[in-house]
């Protein structure tokens, strides 16, 4: 019995290590919600919950695309610049109607995603290098397109996207929820999703198995950029103005944090969509909790950093390539 104890303890430790990346974010989110119910005034009022959901929506949408990219063992640092480009395009073409402006903003994101994917899949650049270059270039393009000016949006139909609601829930939240369901379906139920995970798990084996690796990679980066464009469009519609110098600033870090905290390993091969959404909600609620309880921003940032370190440690995988 005594000799078997260390083996049993090792099995239990491994079990906890497997469960923590999958369920840890939900436990943390539940604990944080319970804390707020007890200690934060008016936390359960719909007006407060509505604010939290609206504020986290852009991060959720961008994080969904980021999760797909990370699932291939990549990274996309250009998403904030893509949001800025979408914001810059919208006011230029609203005169032709909201639909035309939105379509052109999405096309702008698609082009950047295609360039990112091409640099990674065909040129062979590391994802962090390719998308870092586009992070700088993309925002520069956005500033050129907008002439570096802050522009108010006065089109009521377009603003309705960011301020309207259905069944008491903002349109923006519905959009994020629908996109999360679609991405989850793609990952779990489609051939494309299986190929994406196979590339992240073992790219050489995926090539040998006949997976069209380059095509999948390009598609993944296009999806990430288009989702970032959608987030940029929503942000412009919500605040009623377009400022290419500020919209999307540092959102790539928030998105990566949501993905990692949600249990998707940076080593690729897995994508946890629901965990990504929960991770974004957790970080948003953590910040709101700190503010509500009069704690400094620096404290919130240190707590967030600690959570990220724990999440990365828990999700680490020792794999032989």
C-alpha atoms as a PDB file:
ATOM      1  CA  UNK A   1       0.000   0.000   0.000  1.00  0.00           C
ATOM      2  CA  UNK A   2       2.780   2.393   0.950  1.00  0.00           C
ATOM      3  CA  UNK A   3       4.700   1.709  -2.264  1.00  0.00           C
ATOM      4  CA  UNK A   4       1.597   2.306  -4.368  1.00  0.00           C
ATOM      5  CA  UNK A   5       0.802   5.666  -2.786  1.00  0.00           C
ATOM      6  CA  UNK A   6       3.241   7.746  -4.842  1.00  0.00           C
ATOM      7  CA  UNK A   7       1.879   6.179  -8.054  1.00  0.00           C
ATOM      8  CA  UNK A   8      -1.699   6.942  -7.020  1.00  0.00           C
ATOM      9  CA  UNK A   9      -0.760  10.504  -6.142  1.00  0.00           C
ATOM     10  CA  UNK A  10       0.931  10.903  -9.508  1.00  0.00           C
ATOM     11  CA  UNK A  11      -2.183   9.684 -11.330  1.00  0.00           C
ATOM     12  CA  UNK A  12      -4.339  12.100  -9.341  1.00  0.00           C
ATOM     13  CA  UNK A  13      -1.963  14.980 -10.062  1.00  0.00           C
ATOM     14  CA  UNK A  14      -2.047  14.187 -13.776  1.00  0.00           C
ATOM     15  CA  UNK A  15      -5.851  14.063 -13.667  1.00  0.00           C
ATOM     16  CA  UNK A  16      -6.015  17.498 -12.069  1.00  0.00           C
ATOM     17  CA  UNK A  17      -3.560  18.797 -14.626  1.00  0.00           C
ATOM     18  CA  UNK A  18      -5.801  17.543 -17.426  1.00  0.00           C
ATOM     19  CA  UNK A  19      -8.965  18.981 -15.876  1.00  0.00           C
ATOM     20  CA  UNK A  20      -7.564  22.419 -15.001  1.00  0.00           C
ATOM     21  CA  UNK A  21      -7.119  23.737 -18.572  1.00  0.00           C
ATOM     22  CA  UNK A  22     -10.586  22.507 -19.541  1.00  0.00           C
ATOM     23  CA  UNK A  23     -12.674  23.537 -16.540  1.00  0.00           C
ATOM     24  CA  UNK A  24     -10.486  26.008 -14.658  1.00  0.00           C
ATOM     25  CA  UNK A  25     -11.846  29.050 -16.504  1.00  0.00           C
ATOM     26  CA  UNK A  26     -15.447  28.105 -15.687  1.00  0.00           C
ATOM     27  CA  UNK A  27     -14.648  27.605 -12.017  1.00  0.00           C
ATOM     28  CA  UNK A  28     -12.817  30.938 -11.872  1.00  0.00           C
ATOM     29  CA  UNK A  29     -15.694  32.687 -13.646  1.00  0.00           C
ATOM     30  CA  UNK A  30     -18.235  31.159 -11.250  1.00  0.00           C
ATOM     31  CA  UNK A  31     -16.191  32.199  -8.214  1.00  0.00           C
ATOM     32  CA  UNK A  32     -15.873  35.738  -9.550  1.00  0.00           C
ATOM     33  CA  UNK A  33     -19.611  35.948 -10.238  1.00  0.00           C
ATOM     34  CA  UNK A  34     -20.425  34.726  -6.716  1.00  0.00           C
ATOM     35  CA  UNK A  35     -17.992  37.252  -5.259  1.00  0.00           C
ATOM     36  CA  UNK A  36     -19.713  40.061  -7.125  1.00  0.00           C
ATOM     37  CA  UNK A  37     -23.164  38.869  -6.121  1.00  0.00           C
ATOM     38  CA  UNK A  38     -22.130  39.139  -2.474  1.00  0.00           C
ATOM     39  CA  UNK A  39     -19.849  42.176  -2.470  1.00  0.00           C
ATOM     40  CA  UNK A  40     -20.710  44.324  -5.514  1.00  0.00           C
ATOM     41  CA  UNK A  41     -23.815  46.491  -5.286  1.00  0.00           C
ATOM     42  CA  UNK A  42     -26.388  46.094  -8.078  1.00  0.00           C
ATOM     43  CA  UNK A  43     -24.264  43.474  -9.821  1.00  0.00           C
ATOM     44  CA  UNK A  44     -27.233  41.394 -10.963  1.00  0.00           C
ATOM     45  CA  UNK A  45     -29.138  44.345 -12.391  1.00  0.00           C
ATOM     46  CA  UNK A  46     -29.627  43.938 -16.126  1.00  0.00           C
ATOM     47  CA  UNK A  47     -28.227  47.403 -16.834  1.00  0.00           C
ATOM     48  CA  UNK A  48     -24.893  46.362 -15.311  1.00  0.00           C
ATOM     49  CA  UNK A  49     -24.819  42.945 -16.984  1.00  0.00           C
ATOM     50  CA  UNK A  50     -25.716  44.573 -20.293  1.00  0.00           C
ATOM     51  CA  UNK A  51     -22.757  46.941 -20.023  1.00  0.00           C
ATOM     52  CA  UNK A  52     -20.373  44.077 -19.292  1.00  0.00           C
ATOM     53  CA  UNK A  53     -21.633  42.048 -22.253  1.00  0.00           C
ATOM     54  CA  UNK A  54     -21.464  44.968 -24.676  1.00  0.00           C
ATOM     55  CA  UNK A  55     -17.945  45.884 -23.605  1.00  0.00           C
ATOM     56  CA  UNK A  56     -16.628  42.341 -23.977  1.00  0.00           C
ATOM     57  CA  UNK A  57     -18.249  41.716 -27.384  1.00  0.00           C
ATOM     58  CA  UNK A  58     -15.347  42.981 -29.580  1.00  0.00           C
ATOM     59  CA  UNK A  59     -12.854  40.920 -27.574  1.00  0.00           C
ATOM     60  CA  UNK A  60     -14.989  37.789 -27.920  1.00  0.00           C
ATOM     61  CA  UNK A  61     -15.308  38.200 -31.688  1.00  0.00           C
ATOM     62  CA  UNK A  62     -11.586  38.844 -32.192  1.00  0.00           C
ATOM     63  CA  UNK A  63     -10.698  36.007 -29.808  1.00  0.00           C
ATOM     64  CA  UNK A  64     -12.761  33.530 -31.851  1.00  0.00           C
ATOM     65  CA  UNK A  65     -10.547  34.169 -34.860  1.00  0.00           C
ATOM     66  CA  UNK A  66      -7.446  34.166 -32.694  1.00  0.00           C
ATOM     67  CA  UNK A  67      -8.400  30.764 -31.296  1.00  0.00           C
ATOM     68  CA  UNK A  68      -8.491  29.306 -34.812  1.00  0.00           C
ATOM     69  CA  UNK A  69      -5.083  30.755 -35.623  1.00  0.00           C
ATOM     70  CA  UNK A  70      -3.591  29.495 -32.362  1.00  0.00           C
ATOM     71  CA  UNK A  71      -5.152  26.120 -33.103  1.00  0.00           C
ATOM     72  CA  UNK A  72      -2.777  25.886 -36.081  1.00  0.00           C
ATOM     73  CA  UNK A  73       0.137  26.807 -33.773  1.00  0.00           C
ATOM     74  CA  UNK A  74       0.143  30.331 -35.133  1.00  0.00           C
ATOM     75  CA  UNK A  75      -0.592  33.825 -33.817  1.00  0.00           C
ATOM     76  CA  UNK A  76      -2.217  36.916 -35.287  1.00  0.00           C
ATOM     77  CA  UNK A  77      -0.939  40.215 -33.912  1.00  0.00           C
ATOM     78  CA  UNK A  78      -2.556  42.290 -36.660  1.00  0.00           C
ATOM     79  CA  UNK A  79      -6.194  42.035 -35.475  1.00  0.00           C
ATOM     80  CA  UNK A  80      -6.183  45.459 -33.804  1.00  0.00           C
ATOM     81  CA  UNK A  81      -4.918  47.094 -36.978  1.00  0.00           C
ATOM     82  CA  UNK A  82      -7.578  45.265 -38.976  1.00  0.00           C
ATOM     83  CA  UNK A  83     -10.208  46.734 -36.652  1.00  0.00           C
ATOM     84  CA  UNK A  84      -8.709  50.173 -37.232  1.00  0.00           C
ATOM     85  CA  UNK A  85      -8.767  49.705 -41.003  1.00  0.00           C
ATOM     86  CA  UNK A  86     -12.426  48.708 -40.889  1.00  0.00           C
ATOM     87  CA  UNK A  87     -13.136  51.775 -38.771  1.00  0.00           C
ATOM     88  CA  UNK A  88     -11.347  53.963 -41.309  1.00  0.00           C
ATOM     89  CA  UNK A  89     -13.228  52.531 -44.289  1.00  0.00           C
ATOM     90  CA  UNK A  90     -16.746  52.796 -42.829  1.00  0.00           C
ATOM     91  CA  UNK A  91     -17.169  56.617 -42.887  1.00  0.00           C
ATOM     92  CA  UNK A  92     -15.714  56.866 -46.401  1.00  0.00           C
ATOM     93  CA  UNK A  93     -18.466  54.767 -47.943  1.00  0.00           C
ATOM     94  CA  UNK A  94     -21.485  55.314 -45.701  1.00  0.00           C
ATOM     95  CA  UNK A  95     -22.771  57.686 -48.350  1.00  0.00           C
ATOM     96  CA  UNK A  96     -23.471  54.613 -50.484  1.00  0.00           C
ATOM     97  CA  UNK A  97     -25.411  53.006 -47.634  1.00  0.00           C
ATOM     98  CA  UNK A  98     -24.476  50.911 -44.584  1.00  0.00           C
ATOM     99  CA  UNK A  99     -24.385  47.647 -46.528  1.00  0.00           C
ATOM    100  CA  UNK A 100     -21.810  48.933 -49.016  1.00  0.00           C
ATOM    101  CA  UNK A 101     -19.651  50.389 -46.243  1.00  0.00           C
ATOM    102  CA  UNK A 102     -19.777  47.171 -44.211  1.00  0.00           C
ATOM    103  CA  UNK A 103     -18.961  44.981 -47.217  1.00  0.00           C
ATOM    104  CA  UNK A 104     -15.954  47.137 -48.139  1.00  0.00           C
ATOM    105  CA  UNK A 105     -14.715  47.074 -44.534  1.00  0.00           C
ATOM    106  CA  UNK A 106     -14.944  43.282 -44.573  1.00  0.00           C
ATOM    107  CA  UNK A 107     -13.095  43.167 -47.900  1.00  0.00           C
ATOM    108  CA  UNK A 108     -10.315  45.236 -46.354  1.00  0.00           C
ATOM    109  CA  UNK A 109      -9.995  42.683 -43.562  1.00  0.00           C
ATOM    110  CA  UNK A 110     -10.111  39.825 -46.047  1.00  0.00           C
ATOM    111  CA  UNK A 111      -7.212  41.301 -48.005  1.00  0.00           C
ATOM    112  CA  UNK A 112      -5.059  41.679 -44.888  1.00  0.00           C
ATOM    113  CA  UNK A 113      -5.922  38.134 -43.817  1.00  0.00           C
ATOM    114  CA  UNK A 114      -4.974  36.858 -47.268  1.00  0.00           C
ATOM    115  CA  UNK A 115      -1.613  38.635 -47.070  1.00  0.00           C
ATOM    116  CA  UNK A 116      -0.966  37.282 -43.569  1.00  0.00           C
ATOM    117  CA  UNK A 117      -1.881  33.757 -44.629  1.00  0.00           C
ATOM    118  CA  UNK A 118       0.204  33.993 -47.776  1.00  0.00           C
ATOM    119  CA  UNK A 119       3.273  35.157 -45.867  1.00  0.00           C
ATOM    120  CA  UNK A 120       2.898  32.267 -43.419  1.00  0.00           C
ATOM    121  CA  UNK A 121       1.827  29.490 -45.791  1.00  0.00           C
ATOM    122  CA  UNK A 122       3.755  30.284 -48.981  1.00  0.00           C
ATOM    123  CA  UNK A 123       6.641  32.556 -48.018  1.00  0.00           C
ATOM    124  CA  UNK A 124       7.316  30.569 -44.852  1.00  0.00           C
ATOM    125  CA  UNK A 125       7.540  33.468 -42.418  1.00  0.00           C
ATOM    126  CA  UNK A 126       6.880  32.775 -38.761  1.00  0.00           C
ATOM    127  CA  UNK A 127       3.317  33.872 -37.886  1.00  0.00           C
ATOM    128  CA  UNK A 128       4.559  36.266 -35.209  1.00  0.00           C
ATOM    129  CA  UNK A 129       6.847  37.998 -37.732  1.00  0.00           C
ATOM    130  CA  UNK A 130       4.298  38.207 -40.547  1.00  0.00           C
ATOM    131  CA  UNK A 131       1.480  39.509 -38.387  1.00  0.00           C
ATOM    132  CA  UNK A 132       3.732  41.845 -36.419  1.00  0.00           C
ATOM    133  CA  UNK A 133       4.675  43.510 -39.698  1.00  0.00           C
ATOM    134  CA  UNK A 134       0.990  43.799 -40.577  1.00  0.00           C
ATOM    135  CA  UNK A 135       0.236  45.190 -37.120  1.00  0.00           C
ATOM    136  CA  UNK A 136       2.412  48.175 -37.981  1.00  0.00           C
ATOM    137  CA  UNK A 137       1.517  48.420 -41.671  1.00  0.00           C
ATOM    138  CA  UNK A 138      -2.207  47.874 -41.154  1.00  0.00           C
ATOM    139  CA  UNK A 139      -2.648  50.726 -38.707  1.00  0.00           C
ATOM    140  CA  UNK A 140      -0.508  52.923 -40.928  1.00  0.00           C
ATOM    141  CA  UNK A 141      -2.814  52.158 -43.851  1.00  0.00           C
ATOM    142  CA  UNK A 142      -5.829  52.897 -41.649  1.00  0.00           C
ATOM    143  CA  UNK A 143      -4.381  56.283 -40.709  1.00  0.00           C
ATOM    144  CA  UNK A 144      -3.703  57.090 -44.352  1.00  0.00           C
ATOM    145  CA  UNK A 145      -7.216  56.058 -45.385  1.00  0.00           C
ATOM    146  CA  UNK A 146      -8.767  58.185 -42.632  1.00  0.00           C
ATOM    147  CA  UNK A 147      -6.268  61.036 -43.118  1.00  0.00           C
ATOM    148  CA  UNK A 148      -5.504  60.603 -39.436  1.00  0.00           C
ATOM    149  CA  UNK A 149      -8.788  62.255 -38.499  1.00  0.00           C
ATOM    150  CA  UNK A 150     -11.447  61.407 -35.948  1.00  0.00           C
ATOM    151  CA  UNK A 151     -14.783  61.101 -37.774  1.00  0.00           C
ATOM    152  CA  UNK A 152     -18.285  61.148 -36.347  1.00  0.00           C
ATOM    153  CA  UNK A 153     -20.849  58.695 -37.701  1.00  0.00           C
ATOM    154  CA  UNK A 154     -24.323  60.120 -38.244  1.00  0.00           C
ATOM    155  CA  UNK A 155     -26.000  57.359 -40.244  1.00  0.00           C
ATOM    156  CA  UNK A 156     -28.873  56.186 -38.010  1.00  0.00           C
ATOM    157  CA  UNK A 157     -29.234  52.800 -39.727  1.00  0.00           C
ATOM    158  CA  UNK A 158     -25.562  52.012 -39.179  1.00  0.00           C
ATOM    159  CA  UNK A 159     -25.545  53.220 -35.572  1.00  0.00           C
ATOM    160  CA  UNK A 160     -28.547  50.977 -34.915  1.00  0.00           C
ATOM    161  CA  UNK A 161     -26.194  47.996 -35.265  1.00  0.00           C
ATOM    162  CA  UNK A 162     -24.286  49.095 -32.188  1.00  0.00           C
ATOM    163  CA  UNK A 163     -27.137  50.512 -30.122  1.00  0.00           C
ATOM    164  CA  UNK A 164     -30.217  48.490 -31.085  1.00  0.00           C
ATOM    165  CA  UNK A 165     -31.506  45.425 -29.308  1.00  0.00           C
ATOM    166  CA  UNK A 166     -33.675  42.356 -29.831  1.00  0.00           C
ATOM    167  CA  UNK A 167     -35.650  40.817 -26.959  1.00  0.00           C
ATOM    168  CA  UNK A 168     -33.848  43.224 -24.647  1.00  0.00           C
ATOM    169  CA  UNK A 169     -30.406  41.949 -25.681  1.00  0.00           C
ATOM    170  CA  UNK A 170     -28.123  44.233 -27.753  1.00  0.00           C
ATOM    171  CA  UNK A 171     -27.601  43.291 -31.382  1.00  0.00           C
ATOM    172  CA  UNK A 172     -23.856  43.211 -30.771  1.00  0.00           C
ATOM    173  CA  UNK A 173     -24.249  40.458 -28.179  1.00  0.00           C
ATOM    174  CA  UNK A 174     -26.447  38.445 -30.550  1.00  0.00           C
ATOM    175  CA  UNK A 175     -23.828  38.825 -33.278  1.00  0.00           C
ATOM    176  CA  UNK A 176     -21.052  37.583 -30.983  1.00  0.00           C
ATOM    177  CA  UNK A 177     -23.185  34.639 -29.828  1.00  0.00           C
ATOM    178  CA  UNK A 178     -24.036  33.591 -33.382  1.00  0.00           C
ATOM    179  CA  UNK A 179     -20.394  33.845 -34.455  1.00  0.00           C
ATOM    180  CA  UNK A 180     -19.331  31.729 -31.466  1.00  0.00           C
ATOM    181  CA  UNK A 181     -21.846  29.032 -32.439  1.00  0.00           C
ATOM    182  CA  UNK A 182     -20.646  29.083 -36.047  1.00  0.00           C
ATOM    183  CA  UNK A 183     -16.963  28.862 -35.085  1.00  0.00           C
ATOM    184  CA  UNK A 184     -17.726  26.063 -32.625  1.00  0.00           C
ATOM    185  CA  UNK A 185     -19.588  24.145 -35.334  1.00  0.00           C
ATOM    186  CA  UNK A 186     -16.738  24.640 -37.805  1.00  0.00           C
ATOM    187  CA  UNK A 187     -14.153  23.344 -35.337  1.00  0.00           C
ATOM    188  CA  UNK A 188     -16.123  20.322 -34.167  1.00  0.00           C
ATOM    189  CA  UNK A 189     -18.245  19.266 -37.122  1.00  0.00           C
ATOM    190  CA  UNK A 190     -16.476  20.120 -40.373  1.00  0.00           C
ATOM    191  CA  UNK A 191     -13.597  18.708 -42.373  1.00  0.00           C
ATOM    192  CA  UNK A 192     -11.983  22.133 -42.310  1.00  0.00           C
ATOM    193  CA  UNK A 193     -12.017  22.097 -38.506  1.00  0.00           C
ATOM    194  CA  UNK A 194     -10.403  18.676 -38.362  1.00  0.00           C
ATOM    195  CA  UNK A 195      -7.744  19.746 -40.827  1.00  0.00           C
ATOM    196  CA  UNK A 196      -7.055  22.889 -38.820  1.00  0.00           C
ATOM    197  CA  UNK A 197      -6.482  20.869 -35.661  1.00  0.00           C
ATOM    198  CA  UNK A 198      -4.371  18.312 -37.500  1.00  0.00           C
ATOM    199  CA  UNK A 199      -2.053  21.072 -38.742  1.00  0.00           C
ATOM    200  CA  UNK A 200      -1.647  22.450 -35.234  1.00  0.00           C
ATOM    201  CA  UNK A 201      -1.087  19.028 -33.746  1.00  0.00           C
ATOM    202  CA  UNK A 202       1.537  17.826 -36.214  1.00  0.00           C
ATOM    203  CA  UNK A 203       2.075  19.722 -39.459  1.00  0.00           C
ATOM    204  CA  UNK A 204       4.491  17.253 -41.115  1.00  0.00           C
ATOM    205  CA  UNK A 205       2.042  14.412 -40.467  1.00  0.00           C
ATOM    206  CA  UNK A 206      -0.792  16.537 -41.854  1.00  0.00           C
ATOM    207  CA  UNK A 207       1.192  17.121 -45.048  1.00  0.00           C
ATOM    208  CA  UNK A 208       1.858  13.388 -45.395  1.00  0.00           C
ATOM    209  CA  UNK A 209      -1.850  12.703 -44.827  1.00  0.00           C
ATOM    210  CA  UNK A 210      -2.752  14.890 -47.790  1.00  0.00           C
ATOM    211  CA  UNK A 211      -4.144  17.841 -45.853  1.00  0.00           C
ATOM    212  CA  UNK A 212      -4.021  21.022 -47.986  1.00  0.00           C
ATOM    213  CA  UNK A 213      -1.976  22.812 -45.348  1.00  0.00           C
ATOM    214  CA  UNK A 214      -1.329  26.032 -47.242  1.00  0.00           C
ATOM    215  CA  UNK A 215      -4.951  26.498 -48.223  1.00  0.00           C
ATOM    216  CA  UNK A 216      -6.162  25.867 -44.677  1.00  0.00           C
ATOM    217  CA  UNK A 217      -3.636  28.296 -43.206  1.00  0.00           C
ATOM    218  CA  UNK A 218      -4.577  31.064 -45.620  1.00  0.00           C
ATOM    219  CA  UNK A 219      -8.262  30.482 -44.852  1.00  0.00           C
ATOM    220  CA  UNK A 220      -7.649  30.588 -41.105  1.00  0.00           C
ATOM    221  CA  UNK A 221      -5.886  33.961 -41.289  1.00  0.00           C
ATOM    222  CA  UNK A 222      -8.622  35.312 -43.556  1.00  0.00           C
ATOM    223  CA  UNK A 223     -11.268  34.233 -41.030  1.00  0.00           C
ATOM    224  CA  UNK A 224      -9.329  35.869 -38.207  1.00  0.00           C
ATOM    225  CA  UNK A 225      -9.041  39.143 -40.110  1.00  0.00           C
ATOM    226  CA  UNK A 226     -12.689  39.166 -41.206  1.00  0.00           C
ATOM    227  CA  UNK A 227     -13.812  38.585 -37.615  1.00  0.00           C
ATOM    228  CA  UNK A 228     -11.564  41.455 -36.529  1.00  0.00           C
ATOM    229  CA  UNK A 229     -13.212  43.615 -39.187  1.00  0.00           C
ATOM    230  CA  UNK A 230     -16.627  42.707 -37.791  1.00  0.00           C
ATOM    231  CA  UNK A 231     -15.413  43.721 -34.336  1.00  0.00           C
ATOM    232  CA  UNK A 232     -14.201  47.030 -35.743  1.00  0.00           C
ATOM    233  CA  UNK A 233     -17.529  47.680 -37.462  1.00  0.00           C
ATOM    234  CA  UNK A 234     -19.412  46.943 -34.241  1.00  0.00           C
ATOM    235  CA  UNK A 235     -17.112  49.217 -32.255  1.00  0.00           C
ATOM    236  CA  UNK A 236     -17.657  52.116 -34.654  1.00  0.00           C
ATOM    237  CA  UNK A 237     -21.422  51.576 -34.611  1.00  0.00           C
ATOM    238  CA  UNK A 238     -21.488  51.420 -30.821  1.00  0.00           C
ATOM    239  CA  UNK A 239     -19.512  54.591 -30.095  1.00  0.00           C
ATOM    240  CA  UNK A 240     -20.749  56.502 -33.149  1.00  0.00           C
ATOM    241  CA  UNK A 241     -17.314  57.572 -34.323  1.00  0.00           C
ATOM    242  CA  UNK A 242     -14.242  56.279 -36.126  1.00  0.00           C
ATOM    243  CA  UNK A 243     -10.755  56.901 -34.799  1.00  0.00           C
ATOM    244  CA  UNK A 244      -8.173  54.771 -36.593  1.00  0.00           C
ATOM    245  CA  UNK A 245      -5.480  55.732 -34.085  1.00  0.00           C
ATOM    246  CA  UNK A 246      -7.335  54.213 -31.125  1.00  0.00           C
ATOM    247  CA  UNK A 247      -9.853  51.579 -32.213  1.00  0.00           C
ATOM    248  CA  UNK A 248      -8.497  48.073 -31.717  1.00  0.00           C
ATOM    249  CA  UNK A 249      -5.445  49.297 -29.825  1.00  0.00           C
ATOM    250  CA  UNK A 250      -3.887  46.350 -27.920  1.00  0.00           C
ATOM    251  CA  UNK A 251      -6.965  44.167 -28.459  1.00  0.00           C
ATOM    252  CA  UNK A 252      -4.662  41.451 -29.774  1.00  0.00           C
ATOM    253  CA  UNK A 253      -3.346  41.015 -26.228  1.00  0.00           C
ATOM    254  CA  UNK A 254      -6.864  40.772 -24.808  1.00  0.00           C
ATOM    255  CA  UNK A 255      -7.800  38.215 -27.452  1.00  0.00           C
ATOM    256  CA  UNK A 256      -4.727  36.065 -26.862  1.00  0.00           C
ATOM    257  CA  UNK A 257      -5.374  36.222 -23.130  1.00  0.00           C
ATOM    258  CA  UNK A 258      -8.983  35.080 -23.597  1.00  0.00           C
ATOM    259  CA  UNK A 259      -7.877  32.174 -25.785  1.00  0.00           C
ATOM    260  CA  UNK A 260      -5.116  31.015 -23.440  1.00  0.00           C
ATOM    261  CA  UNK A 261      -7.138  31.439 -20.251  1.00  0.00           C
ATOM    262  CA  UNK A 262      -9.954  29.574 -21.994  1.00  0.00           C
ATOM    263  CA  UNK A 263      -7.779  26.486 -22.314  1.00  0.00           C
ATOM    264  CA  UNK A 264      -6.528  26.566 -25.898  1.00  0.00           C
ATOM    265  CA  UNK A 265      -2.817  25.668 -25.790  1.00  0.00           C
ATOM    266  CA  UNK A 266      -0.338  27.872 -27.621  1.00  0.00           C
ATOM    267  CA  UNK A 267       1.193  24.670 -29.001  1.00  0.00           C
ATOM    268  CA  UNK A 268      -1.832  24.207 -31.252  1.00  0.00           C
ATOM    269  CA  UNK A 269      -3.888  21.127 -32.024  1.00  0.00           C
ATOM    270  CA  UNK A 270      -6.873  22.145 -29.888  1.00  0.00           C
ATOM    271  CA  UNK A 271      -9.436  24.939 -29.992  1.00  0.00           C
ATOM    272  CA  UNK A 272     -11.802  25.496 -27.083  1.00  0.00           C
ATOM    273  CA  UNK A 273     -14.409  27.924 -28.370  1.00  0.00           C
ATOM    274  CA  UNK A 274     -16.651  27.997 -25.309  1.00  0.00           C
ATOM    275  CA  UNK A 275     -13.576  28.307 -23.118  1.00  0.00           C
ATOM    276  CA  UNK A 276     -12.427  31.275 -25.216  1.00  0.00           C
ATOM    277  CA  UNK A 277     -15.764  33.039 -24.652  1.00  0.00           C
ATOM    278  CA  UNK A 278     -15.563  32.252 -20.936  1.00  0.00           C
ATOM    279  CA  UNK A 279     -11.980  33.525 -20.844  1.00  0.00           C
ATOM    280  CA  UNK A 280     -13.015  36.852 -22.372  1.00  0.00           C
ATOM    281  CA  UNK A 281     -15.890  37.156 -19.894  1.00  0.00           C
ATOM    282  CA  UNK A 282     -13.578  36.305 -16.999  1.00  0.00           C
ATOM    283  CA  UNK A 283     -11.041  38.991 -17.849  1.00  0.00           C
ATOM    284  CA  UNK A 284     -13.759  41.584 -18.491  1.00  0.00           C
ATOM    285  CA  UNK A 285     -15.499  40.800 -15.217  1.00  0.00           C
ATOM    286  CA  UNK A 286     -12.204  40.801 -13.351  1.00  0.00           C
ATOM    287  CA  UNK A 287     -11.450  44.326 -14.546  1.00  0.00           C
ATOM    288  CA  UNK A 288     -14.986  45.483 -13.722  1.00  0.00           C
ATOM    289  CA  UNK A 289     -14.730  43.913 -10.261  1.00  0.00           C
ATOM    290  CA  UNK A 290     -11.492  45.728  -9.537  1.00  0.00           C
ATOM    291  CA  UNK A 291     -13.026  49.037 -10.577  1.00  0.00           C
ATOM    292  CA  UNK A 292     -16.212  48.439  -8.597  1.00  0.00           C
ATOM    293  CA  UNK A 293     -14.197  47.715  -5.465  1.00  0.00           C
ATOM    294  CA  UNK A 294     -11.924  50.765  -5.859  1.00  0.00           C
ATOM    295  CA  UNK A 295      -8.752  48.852  -6.632  1.00  0.00           C
ATOM    296  CA  UNK A 296      -6.025  50.366  -8.785  1.00  0.00           C
ATOM    297  CA  UNK A 297      -5.574  49.491 -12.446  1.00  0.00           C
ATOM    298  CA  UNK A 298      -2.077  48.285 -11.633  1.00  0.00           C
ATOM    299  CA  UNK A 299      -3.533  45.730  -9.219  1.00  0.00           C
ATOM    300  CA  UNK A 300      -5.940  44.481 -11.884  1.00  0.00           C
ATOM    301  CA  UNK A 301      -3.097  44.150 -14.373  1.00  0.00           C
ATOM    302  CA  UNK A 302      -0.987  42.144 -11.918  1.00  0.00           C
ATOM    303  CA  UNK A 303      -3.905  39.819 -11.169  1.00  0.00           C
ATOM    304  CA  UNK A 304      -4.518  39.345 -14.890  1.00  0.00           C
ATOM    305  CA  UNK A 305      -0.838  38.585 -15.423  1.00  0.00           C
ATOM    306  CA  UNK A 306      -0.945  35.965 -12.685  1.00  0.00           C
ATOM    307  CA  UNK A 307      -4.020  34.347 -14.261  1.00  0.00           C
ATOM    308  CA  UNK A 308      -2.301  34.229 -17.648  1.00  0.00           C
ATOM    309  CA  UNK A 309       0.781  32.557 -16.160  1.00  0.00           C
ATOM    310  CA  UNK A 310      -1.350  29.964 -14.382  1.00  0.00           C
ATOM    311  CA  UNK A 311      -3.346  29.294 -17.547  1.00  0.00           C
ATOM    312  CA  UNK A 312      -0.247  28.880 -19.719  1.00  0.00           C
ATOM    313  CA  UNK A 313       1.375  26.607 -17.141  1.00  0.00           C
ATOM    314  CA  UNK A 314      -1.760  24.485 -16.826  1.00  0.00           C
ATOM    315  CA  UNK A 315      -2.196  24.206 -20.590  1.00  0.00           C
ATOM    316  CA  UNK A 316       1.421  23.356 -21.346  1.00  0.00           C
ATOM    317  CA  UNK A 317       1.942  20.200 -23.312  1.00  0.00           C
ATOM    318  CA  UNK A 318       5.153  18.271 -23.676  1.00  0.00           C
ATOM    319  CA  UNK A 319       5.068  16.952 -27.191  1.00  0.00           C
ATOM    320  CA  UNK A 320       7.772  15.536 -29.393  1.00  0.00           C
ATOM    321  CA  UNK A 321       7.744  16.966 -32.871  1.00  0.00           C
END
